[in-house]
């Protein structure tokens, strides 16, 4: 009879391209909301809180900015 493992495995480290896909975003330079979210993203990634990091990156990607019109 085999003994199945009954405890969790160590966390899986994602490859670099997967990190770029999940956390890749471009905050707008003069936007305070984007700057705050970028700090939150950096802190969450540093603490390896992947859910919070993904949420911050998603908010940066989805944050609306008015389109500047040319005169």
PDB file of N, CA and C in Angstrom:
ATOM      1  N   UNK A   1       0.848  -1.182   0.000  1.00  0.00           N
ATOM      2  CA  UNK A   1       0.000   0.000   0.000  1.00  0.00           C
ATOM      3  C   UNK A   1       0.893   1.245   0.000  1.00  0.00           C
ATOM      4  N   UNK A   2       0.534   2.226  -0.805  1.00  0.00           N
ATOM      5  CA  UNK A   2       1.322   3.458  -0.867  1.00  0.00           C
ATOM      6  C   UNK A   2       0.819   4.461   0.148  1.00  0.00           C
ATOM      7  N   UNK A   3       1.704   5.341   0.519  1.00  0.00           N
ATOM      8  CA  UNK A   3       1.335   6.400   1.469  1.00  0.00           C
ATOM      9  C   UNK A   3       1.217   7.714   0.704  1.00  0.00           C
ATOM     10  N   UNK A   4      -0.004   8.175   0.441  1.00  0.00           N
ATOM     11  CA  UNK A   4      -0.142   9.438  -0.289  1.00  0.00           C
ATOM     12  C   UNK A   4       0.320  10.611   0.580  1.00  0.00           C
ATOM     13  N   UNK A   5       0.844  11.602  -0.083  1.00  0.00           N
ATOM     14  CA  UNK A   5       1.293  12.802   0.612  1.00  0.00           C
ATOM     15  C   UNK A   5       0.073  13.600   1.033  1.00  0.00           C
ATOM     16  N   UNK A   6       0.005  13.952   2.309  1.00  0.00           N
ATOM     17  CA  UNK A   6      -1.180  14.646   2.827  1.00  0.00           C
ATOM     18  C   UNK A   6      -0.882  16.081   3.261  1.00  0.00           C
ATOM     19  N   UNK A   7       0.237  16.621   2.841  1.00  0.00           N
ATOM     20  CA  UNK A   7       0.562  18.004   3.159  1.00  0.00           C
ATOM     21  C   UNK A   7       0.820  18.771   1.870  1.00  0.00           C
ATOM     22  N   UNK A   8       0.665  20.087   1.896  1.00  0.00           N
ATOM     23  CA  UNK A   8       0.810  20.856   0.654  1.00  0.00           C
ATOM     24  C   UNK A   8       2.260  20.883   0.166  1.00  0.00           C
ATOM     25  N   UNK A   9       2.396  21.021  -1.116  1.00  0.00           N
ATOM     26  CA  UNK A   9       3.703  21.140  -1.748  1.00  0.00           C
ATOM     27  C   UNK A   9       4.192  22.576  -1.622  1.00  0.00           C
ATOM     28  N   UNK A  10       5.500  22.827  -1.788  1.00  0.00           N
ATOM     29  CA  UNK A  10       5.993  24.208  -1.804  1.00  0.00           C
ATOM     30  C   UNK A  10       5.391  24.984  -2.976  1.00  0.00           C
ATOM     31  N   UNK A  11       5.379  26.299  -2.846  1.00  0.00           N
ATOM     32  CA  UNK A  11       4.816  27.146  -3.904  1.00  0.00           C
ATOM     33  C   UNK A  11       5.594  26.964  -5.196  1.00  0.00           C
ATOM     34  N   UNK A  12       4.893  27.036  -6.300  1.00  0.00           N
ATOM     35  CA  UNK A  12       5.508  26.920  -7.612  1.00  0.00           C
ATOM     36  C   UNK A  12       5.929  28.306  -8.069  1.00  0.00           C
ATOM     37  N   UNK A  13       7.181  28.453  -8.460  1.00  0.00           N
ATOM     38  CA  UNK A  13       7.677  29.720  -8.989  1.00  0.00           C
ATOM     39  C   UNK A  13       7.341  29.786 -10.477  1.00  0.00           C
ATOM     40  N   UNK A  14       6.719  30.875 -10.902  1.00  0.00           N
ATOM     41  CA  UNK A  14       6.334  31.028 -12.299  1.00  0.00           C
ATOM     42  C   UNK A  14       7.518  31.494 -13.138  1.00  0.00           C
ATOM     43  N   UNK A  15       7.538  31.080 -14.373  1.00  0.00           N
ATOM     44  CA  UNK A  15       8.593  31.504 -15.292  1.00  0.00           C
ATOM     45  C   UNK A  15       8.440  32.990 -15.596  1.00  0.00           C
ATOM     46  N   UNK A  16       9.516  33.621 -16.072  1.00  0.00           N
ATOM     47  CA  UNK A  16       9.516  35.064 -16.319  1.00  0.00           C
ATOM     48  C   UNK A  16       8.433  35.532 -17.265  1.00  0.00           C
ATOM     49  N   UNK A  17       8.169  34.805 -18.360  1.00  0.00           N
ATOM     50  CA  UNK A  17       7.152  35.263 -19.302  1.00  0.00           C
ATOM     51  C   UNK A  17       5.757  35.193 -18.707  1.00  0.00           C
ATOM     52  N   UNK A  18       5.538  34.275 -17.794  1.00  0.00           N
ATOM     53  CA  UNK A  18       4.229  34.191 -17.136  1.00  0.00           C
ATOM     54  C   UNK A  18       4.064  35.378 -16.185  1.00  0.00           C
ATOM     55  N   UNK A  19       5.134  35.739 -15.478  1.00  0.00           N
ATOM     56  CA  UNK A  19       5.079  36.917 -14.617  1.00  0.00           C
ATOM     57  C   UNK A  19       4.758  38.163 -15.429  1.00  0.00           C
ATOM     58  N   UNK A  20       5.401  38.309 -16.586  1.00  0.00           N
ATOM     59  CA  UNK A  20       5.124  39.465 -17.436  1.00  0.00           C
ATOM     60  C   UNK A  20       3.672  39.477 -17.898  1.00  0.00           C
ATOM     61  N   UNK A  21       3.133  38.313 -18.193  1.00  0.00           N
ATOM     62  CA  UNK A  21       1.741  38.215 -18.642  1.00  0.00           C
ATOM     63  C   UNK A  21       0.794  38.597 -17.509  1.00  0.00           C
ATOM     64  N   UNK A  22       1.049  38.112 -16.305  1.00  0.00           N
ATOM     65  CA  UNK A  22       0.144  38.372 -15.182  1.00  0.00           C
ATOM     66  C   UNK A  22       0.293  39.777 -14.620  1.00  0.00           C
ATOM     67  N   UNK A  23       1.526  40.249 -14.505  1.00  0.00           N
ATOM     68  CA  UNK A  23       1.777  41.505 -13.802  1.00  0.00           C
ATOM     69  C   UNK A  23       2.187  42.636 -14.727  1.00  0.00           C
ATOM     70  N   UNK A  24       2.273  42.379 -16.011  1.00  0.00           N
ATOM     71  CA  UNK A  24       2.693  43.415 -16.944  1.00  0.00           C
ATOM     72  C   UNK A  24       1.642  44.501 -17.082  1.00  0.00           C
ATOM     73  N   UNK A  25       2.051  45.732 -16.857  1.00  0.00           N
ATOM     74  CA  UNK A  25       1.154  46.871 -16.993  1.00  0.00           C
ATOM     75  C   UNK A  25       2.009  48.122 -17.132  1.00  0.00           C
ATOM     76  N   UNK A  26       1.433  49.166 -17.632  1.00  0.00           N
ATOM     77  CA  UNK A  26       2.162  50.417 -17.860  1.00  0.00           C
ATOM     78  C   UNK A  26       1.402  51.549 -17.183  1.00  0.00           C
ATOM     79  N   UNK A  27       1.807  51.940 -15.946  1.00  0.00           N
ATOM     80  CA  UNK A  27       1.116  53.048 -15.285  1.00  0.00           C
ATOM     81  C   UNK A  27       1.352  54.366 -16.024  1.00  0.00           C
ATOM     82  N   UNK A  28       0.347  55.203 -16.069  1.00  0.00           N
ATOM     83  CA  UNK A  28       0.453  56.515 -16.714  1.00  0.00           C
ATOM     84  C   UNK A  28       1.293  57.418 -15.808  1.00  0.00           C
ATOM     85  N   UNK A  29       2.211  58.164 -16.400  1.00  0.00           N
ATOM     86  CA  UNK A  29       3.220  58.926 -15.657  1.00  0.00           C
ATOM     87  C   UNK A  29       2.634  59.930 -14.665  1.00  0.00           C
ATOM     88  N   UNK A  30       1.649  60.720 -15.051  1.00  0.00           N
ATOM     89  CA  UNK A  30       1.144  61.801 -14.193  1.00  0.00           C
ATOM     90  C   UNK A  30      -0.128  61.428 -13.448  1.00  0.00           C
ATOM     91  N   UNK A  31      -0.389  60.158 -13.280  1.00  0.00           N
ATOM     92  CA  UNK A  31      -1.624  59.714 -12.630  1.00  0.00           C
ATOM     93  C   UNK A  31      -1.317  59.233 -11.207  1.00  0.00           C
ATOM     94  N   UNK A  32      -1.921  59.882 -10.223  1.00  0.00           N
ATOM     95  CA  UNK A  32      -1.710  59.506  -8.829  1.00  0.00           C
ATOM     96  C   UNK A  32      -2.238  58.124  -8.499  1.00  0.00           C
ATOM     97  N   UNK A  33      -3.370  57.766  -9.099  1.00  0.00           N
ATOM     98  CA  UNK A  33      -3.957  56.448  -8.865  1.00  0.00           C
ATOM     99  C   UNK A  33      -3.024  55.363  -9.392  1.00  0.00           C
ATOM    100  N   UNK A  34      -2.510  55.556 -10.595  1.00  0.00           N
ATOM    101  CA  UNK A  34      -1.587  54.581 -11.182  1.00  0.00           C
ATOM    102  C   UNK A  34      -0.313  54.471 -10.346  1.00  0.00           C
ATOM    103  N   UNK A  35       0.185  55.597  -9.832  1.00  0.00           N
ATOM    104  CA  UNK A  35       1.392  55.575  -9.009  1.00  0.00           C
ATOM    105  C   UNK A  35       1.163  54.791  -7.719  1.00  0.00           C
ATOM    106  N   UNK A  36       0.022  55.004  -7.083  1.00  0.00           N
ATOM    107  CA  UNK A  36      -0.295  54.271  -5.857  1.00  0.00           C
ATOM    108  C   UNK A  36      -0.444  52.781  -6.131  1.00  0.00           C
ATOM    109  N   UNK A  37      -1.094  52.452  -7.233  1.00  0.00           N
ATOM    110  CA  UNK A  37      -1.254  51.038  -7.594  1.00  0.00           C
ATOM    111  C   UNK A  37       0.081  50.397  -7.952  1.00  0.00           C
ATOM    112  N   UNK A  38       0.980  51.153  -8.579  1.00  0.00           N
ATOM    113  CA  UNK A  38       2.301  50.622  -8.910  1.00  0.00           C
ATOM    114  C   UNK A  38       3.094  50.329  -7.635  1.00  0.00           C
ATOM    115  N   UNK A  39       2.984  51.195  -6.625  1.00  0.00           N
ATOM    116  CA  UNK A  39       3.639  50.928  -5.332  1.00  0.00           C
ATOM    117  C   UNK A  39       3.048  49.684  -4.684  1.00  0.00           C
ATOM    118  N   UNK A  40       1.719  49.572  -4.728  1.00  0.00           N
ATOM    119  CA  UNK A  40       1.041  48.402  -4.172  1.00  0.00           C
ATOM    120  C   UNK A  40       1.488  47.126  -4.891  1.00  0.00           C
ATOM    121  N   UNK A  41       1.626  47.194  -6.206  1.00  0.00           N
ATOM    122  CA  UNK A  41       2.082  46.054  -6.991  1.00  0.00           C
ATOM    123  C   UNK A  41       3.496  45.652  -6.581  1.00  0.00           C
ATOM    124  N   UNK A  42       4.390  46.625  -6.452  1.00  0.00           N
ATOM    125  CA  UNK A  42       5.775  46.325  -6.077  1.00  0.00           C
ATOM    126  C   UNK A  42       5.848  45.703  -4.677  1.00  0.00           C
ATOM    127  N   UNK A  43       5.079  46.244  -3.743  1.00  0.00           N
ATOM    128  CA  UNK A  43       5.080  45.699  -2.378  1.00  0.00           C
ATOM    129  C   UNK A  43       4.532  44.279  -2.346  1.00  0.00           C
ATOM    130  N   UNK A  44       3.460  44.040  -3.077  1.00  0.00           N
ATOM    131  CA  UNK A  44       2.859  42.704  -3.097  1.00  0.00           C
ATOM    132  C   UNK A  44       3.793  41.694  -3.749  1.00  0.00           C
ATOM    133  N   UNK A  45       4.454  42.087  -4.826  1.00  0.00           N
ATOM    134  CA  UNK A  45       5.408  41.168  -5.473  1.00  0.00           C
ATOM    135  C   UNK A  45       6.583  40.887  -4.555  1.00  0.00           C
ATOM    136  N   UNK A  46       7.050  41.901  -3.827  1.00  0.00           N
ATOM    137  CA  UNK A  46       8.152  41.708  -2.881  1.00  0.00           C
ATOM    138  C   UNK A  46       7.789  40.772  -1.751  1.00  0.00           C
ATOM    139  N   UNK A  47       6.531  40.828  -1.317  1.00  0.00           N
ATOM    140  CA  UNK A  47       6.048  39.968  -0.239  1.00  0.00           C
ATOM    141  C   UNK A  47       5.535  38.626  -0.759  1.00  0.00           C
ATOM    142  N   UNK A  48       5.610  38.425  -2.071  1.00  0.00           N
ATOM    143  CA  UNK A  48       5.123  37.198  -2.729  1.00  0.00           C
ATOM    144  C   UNK A  48       3.645  36.947  -2.459  1.00  0.00           C
ATOM    145  N   UNK A  49       2.872  38.041  -2.438  1.00  0.00           N
ATOM    146  CA  UNK A  49       1.416  37.963  -2.327  1.00  0.00           C
ATOM    147  C   UNK A  49       0.873  38.072  -3.747  1.00  0.00           C
ATOM    148  N   UNK A  50       0.844  36.946  -4.449  1.00  0.00           N
ATOM    149  CA  UNK A  50       0.556  36.926  -5.874  1.00  0.00           C
ATOM    150  C   UNK A  50      -0.858  37.401  -6.212  1.00  0.00           C
ATOM    151  N   UNK A  51      -1.820  37.096  -5.386  1.00  0.00           N
ATOM    152  CA  UNK A  51      -3.190  37.539  -5.642  1.00  0.00           C
ATOM    153  C   UNK A  51      -3.308  39.051  -5.595  1.00  0.00           C
ATOM    154  N   UNK A  52      -2.712  39.667  -4.581  1.00  0.00           N
ATOM    155  CA  UNK A  52      -2.743  41.128  -4.469  1.00  0.00           C
ATOM    156  C   UNK A  52      -1.972  41.782  -5.607  1.00  0.00           C
ATOM    157  N   UNK A  53      -0.850  41.173  -6.001  1.00  0.00           N
ATOM    158  CA  UNK A  53      -0.050  41.725  -7.096  1.00  0.00           C
ATOM    159  C   UNK A  53      -0.839  41.686  -8.398  1.00  0.00           C
ATOM    160  N   UNK A  54      -1.510  40.576  -8.674  1.00  0.00           N
ATOM    161  CA  UNK A  54      -2.302  40.477  -9.900  1.00  0.00           C
ATOM    162  C   UNK A  54      -3.436  41.494  -9.891  1.00  0.00           C
ATOM    163  N   UNK A  55      -4.089  41.655  -8.754  1.00  0.00           N
ATOM    164  CA  UNK A  55      -5.192  42.609  -8.656  1.00  0.00           C
ATOM    165  C   UNK A  55      -4.709  44.036  -8.914  1.00  0.00           C
ATOM    166  N   UNK A  56      -3.553  44.407  -8.363  1.00  0.00           N
ATOM    167  CA  UNK A  56      -3.013  45.751  -8.582  1.00  0.00           C
ATOM    168  C   UNK A  56      -2.666  45.948 -10.058  1.00  0.00           C
ATOM    169  N   UNK A  57      -2.042  44.946 -10.681  1.00  0.00           N
ATOM    170  CA  UNK A  57      -1.694  45.054 -12.102  1.00  0.00           C
ATOM    171  C   UNK A  57      -2.945  45.173 -12.963  1.00  0.00           C
ATOM    172  N   UNK A  58      -3.969  44.416 -12.615  1.00  0.00           N
ATOM    173  CA  UNK A  58      -5.231  44.463 -13.364  1.00  0.00           C
ATOM    174  C   UNK A  58      -5.865  45.845 -13.235  1.00  0.00           C
ATOM    175  N   UNK A  59      -5.823  46.424 -12.034  1.00  0.00           N
ATOM    176  CA  UNK A  59      -6.388  47.758 -11.829  1.00  0.00           C
ATOM    177  C   UNK A  59      -5.623  48.815 -12.637  1.00  0.00           C
ATOM    178  N   UNK A  60      -4.306  48.679 -12.721  1.00  0.00           N
ATOM    179  CA  UNK A  60      -3.519  49.620 -13.524  1.00  0.00           C
ATOM    180  C   UNK A  60      -3.916  49.501 -14.990  1.00  0.00           C
ATOM    181  N   UNK A  61      -4.036  48.278 -15.491  1.00  0.00           N
ATOM    182  CA  UNK A  61      -4.401  48.075 -16.895  1.00  0.00           C
ATOM    183  C   UNK A  61      -5.793  48.611 -17.195  1.00  0.00           C
ATOM    184  N   UNK A  62      -6.710  48.499 -16.247  1.00  0.00           N
ATOM    185  CA  UNK A  62      -8.104  48.871 -16.493  1.00  0.00           C
ATOM    186  C   UNK A  62      -8.449  50.290 -16.050  1.00  0.00           C
ATOM    187  N   UNK A  63      -7.496  51.017 -15.461  1.00  0.00           N
ATOM    188  CA  UNK A  63      -7.797  52.360 -14.978  1.00  0.00           C
ATOM    189  C   UNK A  63      -8.015  53.296 -16.169  1.00  0.00           C
ATOM    190  N   UNK A  64      -9.166  53.960 -16.218  1.00  0.00           N
ATOM    191  CA  UNK A  64      -9.460  54.814 -17.382  1.00  0.00           C
ATOM    192  C   UNK A  64      -8.684  56.133 -17.336  1.00  0.00           C
ATOM    193  N   UNK A  65      -8.254  56.563 -18.492  1.00  0.00           N
ATOM    194  CA  UNK A  65      -7.601  57.867 -18.646  1.00  0.00           C
ATOM    195  C   UNK A  65      -8.221  58.545 -19.858  1.00  0.00           C
ATOM    196  N   UNK A  66      -8.481  59.839 -19.734  1.00  0.00           N
ATOM    197  CA  UNK A  66      -9.055  60.553 -20.890  1.00  0.00           C
ATOM    198  C   UNK A  66      -8.039  60.594 -22.039  1.00  0.00           C
ATOM    199  N   UNK A  67      -8.549  60.487 -23.229  1.00  0.00           N
ATOM    200  CA  UNK A  67      -7.704  60.570 -24.416  1.00  0.00           C
ATOM    201  C   UNK A  67      -7.446  62.040 -24.719  1.00  0.00           C
ATOM    202  N   UNK A  68      -6.184  62.386 -24.863  1.00  0.00           N
ATOM    203  CA  UNK A  68      -5.837  63.780 -25.162  1.00  0.00           C
ATOM    204  C   UNK A  68      -6.047  64.014 -26.651  1.00  0.00           C
ATOM    205  N   UNK A  69      -6.808  65.052 -26.942  1.00  0.00           N
ATOM    206  CA  UNK A  69      -7.094  65.395 -28.335  1.00  0.00           C
ATOM    207  C   UNK A  69      -6.134  66.456 -28.826  1.00  0.00           C
ATOM    208  N   UNK A  70      -5.788  66.355 -30.058  1.00  0.00           N
ATOM    209  CA  UNK A  70      -4.923  67.360 -30.685  1.00  0.00           C
ATOM    210  C   UNK A  70      -5.785  68.542 -31.143  1.00  0.00           C
ATOM    211  N   UNK A  71      -5.295  69.770 -30.952  1.00  0.00           N
ATOM    212  CA  UNK A  71      -6.085  70.944 -31.375  1.00  0.00           C
ATOM    213  C   UNK A  71      -6.147  71.091 -32.873  1.00  0.00           C
TER     214      UNK A  71
END
